[in-house]
């Protein structure tokens, strides 16, 4: 049976995947309907990605999980070095995505495509990264780590749980969680459904 930390990591991977795919679905819906998304909702979604997966989840992996694996087996060294580089790259990439969104918001429609390309690259990058961790790192951890190792990991990974992985939001993030859920349109969130754009209405009436 998988340890608590392993289950938490998989749950948080699923939450990040869902958030990134939701952003892509939201952008696609607005493009098809020739409308502009709520920039504040997109900023909130990207802030979540920065605060939880980037600043907490990945930091726990780099600062605790990976060193324990390096101490238990030399087999993991190259793989973990690669994943650590991914984590550093991810922090840079999310800043580029946030900047691309700001450029679109401030300078207009001509910059929509640049943001869409940036978030698509980021999504592909992290889906590949998480798949590698689940395929290689987590099974290795289950084989080589000791129960003392798992107790240390469970204490850290269990202390700050991602609200989008089904956990109660911490007080300081409760408003952010509520804002994202309520702002993003159905069926992604609880917000109002997108209104079809002019081209879509014409197609429906044809």
Protein backbone atom coordinates (compact mmCIF):
# COMPACT_ATOMS: atom_id res chain seq x y z
CA UNK A 1 0.00 0.00 0.00
CA UNK A 2 1.28 3.48 -0.89
CA UNK A 3 2.49 5.73 1.91
CA UNK A 4 0.67 8.94 2.85
CA UNK A 5 3.24 11.20 1.18
CA UNK A 6 2.99 9.27 -2.07
CA UNK A 7 -0.79 9.66 -2.08
CA UNK A 8 -0.48 13.38 -1.31
CA UNK A 9 1.96 13.91 -4.17
CA UNK A 10 -0.32 12.10 -6.63
CA UNK A 11 -3.37 14.06 -5.40
CA UNK A 12 -1.53 17.36 -5.75
CA UNK A 13 -0.33 16.40 -9.21
CA UNK A 14 -3.95 15.73 -10.18
CA UNK A 15 -5.00 19.12 -8.78
CA UNK A 16 -2.31 20.96 -10.75
CA UNK A 17 -3.15 19.04 -13.92
CA UNK A 18 -6.83 19.93 -13.51
CA UNK A 19 -6.05 23.61 -12.93
CA UNK A 20 -3.76 23.89 -15.95
CA UNK A 21 -6.20 22.05 -18.20
CA UNK A 22 -9.02 24.26 -16.91
CA UNK A 23 -7.07 27.35 -17.97
CA UNK A 24 -6.60 25.88 -21.46
CA UNK A 25 -10.30 24.97 -21.70
CA UNK A 26 -11.28 28.45 -20.56
CA UNK A 27 -9.02 30.10 -23.12
CA UNK A 28 -10.29 27.83 -25.89
CA UNK A 29 -13.92 28.62 -25.03
CA UNK A 30 -13.29 32.36 -25.14
CA UNK A 31 -11.38 32.14 -28.40
CA UNK A 32 -14.18 30.15 -30.05
CA UNK A 33 -16.75 32.64 -28.75
CA UNK A 34 -14.63 35.65 -29.72
CA UNK A 35 -14.68 36.98 -26.17
CA UNK A 36 -12.15 38.10 -23.59
CA UNK A 37 -11.73 36.10 -20.36
CA UNK A 38 -11.86 37.57 -16.88
CA UNK A 39 -8.22 38.54 -16.36
CA UNK A 40 -8.64 38.62 -12.58
CA UNK A 41 -9.80 34.98 -12.64
CA UNK A 42 -6.79 33.97 -14.75
CA UNK A 43 -4.45 35.87 -12.42
CA UNK A 44 -5.97 34.05 -9.42
CA UNK A 45 -5.52 30.66 -11.12
CA UNK A 46 -1.87 31.40 -11.95
CA UNK A 47 -1.28 32.70 -8.41
CA UNK A 48 -2.56 29.37 -7.09
CA UNK A 49 -0.11 27.51 -9.37
CA UNK A 50 2.73 29.68 -8.09
CA UNK A 51 1.79 29.43 -4.41
CA UNK A 52 1.02 25.73 -4.10
CA UNK A 53 2.70 23.56 -6.76
CA UNK A 54 5.71 25.84 -7.26
CA UNK A 55 6.42 27.24 -3.78
CA UNK A 56 5.22 24.36 -1.57
CA UNK A 57 4.87 21.06 -3.40
CA UNK A 58 8.06 21.29 -5.45
CA UNK A 59 10.06 22.78 -2.60
CA UNK A 60 9.12 19.86 -0.35
CA UNK A 61 10.26 17.45 -3.04
CA UNK A 62 13.57 19.24 -3.67
CA UNK A 63 14.43 19.94 -0.03
CA UNK A 64 13.23 16.74 1.64
CA UNK A 65 12.12 13.88 -0.62
CA UNK A 66 14.97 14.05 -3.13
CA UNK A 67 17.79 14.29 -0.53
CA UNK A 68 16.38 11.23 1.25
CA UNK A 69 16.37 9.31 -2.02
CA UNK A 70 19.93 10.39 -2.81
CA UNK A 71 21.00 9.12 0.61
CA UNK A 72 19.37 5.71 0.07
CA UNK A 73 20.42 4.86 -3.48
CA UNK A 74 22.91 6.20 -6.06
CA UNK A 75 20.54 5.01 -8.80
CA UNK A 76 18.46 8.15 -8.42
CA UNK A 77 21.17 10.81 -8.77
CA UNK A 78 20.86 11.73 -12.46
CA UNK A 79 17.08 11.51 -12.41
CA UNK A 80 16.77 13.72 -9.34
CA UNK A 81 19.24 16.25 -10.73
CA UNK A 82 17.04 16.45 -13.84
CA UNK A 83 13.90 16.96 -11.74
CA UNK A 84 15.58 19.61 -9.58
CA UNK A 85 16.45 21.50 -12.75
CA UNK A 86 12.82 21.16 -13.78
CA UNK A 87 11.72 22.71 -10.49
CA UNK A 88 14.04 25.70 -10.97
CA UNK A 89 12.90 26.04 -14.55
CA UNK A 90 9.27 25.87 -13.48
CA UNK A 91 9.68 28.86 -11.15
CA UNK A 92 11.11 30.89 -14.04
CA UNK A 93 8.44 29.69 -16.42
CA UNK A 94 5.50 30.66 -14.23
CA UNK A 95 6.87 34.21 -14.06
CA UNK A 96 7.00 34.28 -17.87
CA UNK A 97 3.41 33.06 -18.08
CA UNK A 98 2.23 35.67 -15.55
CA UNK A 99 4.08 38.38 -17.47
CA UNK A 100 2.54 37.25 -20.77
CA UNK A 101 -0.92 37.54 -19.20
CA UNK A 102 -0.15 41.06 -17.97
CA UNK A 103 1.06 42.08 -21.43
CA UNK A 104 -2.19 40.81 -22.96
CA UNK A 105 -4.28 42.61 -20.34
CA UNK A 106 -2.39 45.89 -20.62
CA UNK A 107 -1.60 46.02 -24.36
CA UNK A 108 -4.56 44.26 -25.87
CA UNK A 109 -5.80 41.51 -28.13
CA UNK A 110 -2.68 41.36 -30.31
CA UNK A 111 -0.95 39.64 -27.37
CA UNK A 112 -3.58 36.94 -26.71
CA UNK A 113 -1.75 34.34 -28.79
CA UNK A 114 1.56 34.92 -26.99
CA UNK A 115 -0.09 34.15 -23.67
CA UNK A 116 -1.87 31.11 -25.08
CA UNK A 117 1.44 29.74 -26.37
CA UNK A 118 3.16 30.43 -23.03
CA UNK A 119 0.55 28.64 -20.91
CA UNK A 120 0.39 25.73 -23.39
CA UNK A 121 4.20 25.28 -23.15
CA UNK A 122 4.06 25.48 -19.38
CA UNK A 123 1.27 22.91 -19.23
CA UNK A 124 3.07 20.46 -21.51
CA UNK A 125 6.28 20.92 -19.50
CA UNK A 126 4.65 20.15 -16.15
CA UNK A 127 2.49 17.31 -17.34
CA UNK A 128 5.67 15.62 -18.58
CA UNK A 129 7.48 16.46 -15.34
CA UNK A 130 4.75 15.03 -13.12
CA UNK A 131 4.43 11.91 -15.26
CA UNK A 132 8.16 11.27 -14.84
CA UNK A 133 7.93 11.64 -11.06
CA UNK A 134 5.00 9.26 -10.86
CA UNK A 135 6.58 6.73 -13.20
CA UNK A 136 10.11 6.73 -11.74
CA UNK A 137 10.48 8.58 -8.44
CA UNK A 138 7.47 7.48 -6.43
CA UNK A 139 7.93 3.73 -7.09
CA UNK A 140 11.62 4.10 -6.24
CA UNK A 141 10.75 5.90 -2.99
CA UNK A 142 8.35 3.13 -2.02
CA UNK A 143 11.15 0.58 -2.50
CA UNK A 144 14.09 2.24 -0.76
CA UNK A 145 12.92 4.71 1.91
CA UNK A 146 12.64 3.66 5.54
CA UNK A 147 9.71 4.12 7.89
CA UNK A 148 11.65 6.90 9.63
CA UNK A 149 12.00 8.61 6.25
CA UNK A 150 8.27 8.32 5.64
CA UNK A 151 7.42 9.76 9.06
CA UNK A 152 9.52 12.83 8.28
CA UNK A 153 7.96 13.18 4.83
CA UNK A 154 4.39 12.70 6.06
CA UNK A 155 4.85 15.44 8.67
CA UNK A 156 5.96 17.97 6.05
CA UNK A 157 3.73 17.03 3.12
CA UNK A 158 0.71 16.68 5.39
CA UNK A 159 1.15 20.07 7.05
CA UNK A 160 0.20 22.30 4.09
CA UNK A 161 -2.38 20.55 1.93
CA UNK A 162 -3.56 21.84 -1.43
CA UNK A 163 -7.24 22.92 -1.23
CA UNK A 164 -7.77 21.86 -4.84
CA UNK A 165 -6.70 18.34 -3.87
CA UNK A 166 -9.80 18.03 -1.69
CA UNK A 167 -8.49 19.60 1.53
CA UNK A 168 -9.88 22.37 3.69
CA UNK A 169 -8.24 25.67 2.66
CA UNK A 170 -5.97 27.37 5.17
CA UNK A 171 -7.48 30.61 6.45
CA UNK A 172 -5.17 32.88 4.45
CA UNK A 173 -5.98 31.01 1.20
CA UNK A 174 -9.70 30.54 1.78
CA UNK A 175 -10.60 33.70 -0.12
CA UNK A 176 -8.36 32.75 -3.04
CA UNK A 177 -9.89 29.27 -3.24
CA UNK A 178 -13.42 30.67 -3.14
CA UNK A 179 -12.61 33.32 -5.73
CA UNK A 180 -11.23 30.82 -8.21
CA UNK A 181 -14.12 28.37 -7.80
CA UNK A 182 -16.76 31.10 -8.12
CA UNK A 183 -15.13 33.08 -10.93
CA UNK A 184 -14.35 30.29 -13.36
CA UNK A 185 -17.38 29.47 -15.55
CA UNK A 186 -19.19 26.15 -15.53
CA UNK A 187 -18.46 23.34 -16.12
CA UNK A 188 -14.93 24.15 -14.91
CA UNK A 189 -16.02 26.10 -11.82
CA UNK A 190 -19.21 27.52 -10.33
CA UNK A 191 -19.27 30.81 -12.23
CA UNK A 192 -21.83 31.75 -14.90
CA UNK A 193 -21.66 29.88 -18.20
CA UNK A 194 -19.88 31.65 -21.03
CA UNK A 195 -22.13 33.68 -23.32
CA UNK A 196 -21.63 32.67 -26.96
CA UNK A 197 -19.83 35.25 -29.03
CA UNK A 198 -21.32 36.85 -32.14
CA UNK A 199 -19.85 34.26 -34.51
CA UNK A 200 -21.15 31.42 -32.34
CA UNK A 201 -24.67 32.93 -32.19
CA UNK A 202 -24.73 33.29 -35.95
CA UNK A 203 -23.69 29.65 -36.34
CA UNK A 204 -26.44 28.55 -33.95
CA UNK A 205 -29.04 30.53 -35.89
CA UNK A 206 -27.90 29.31 -39.30
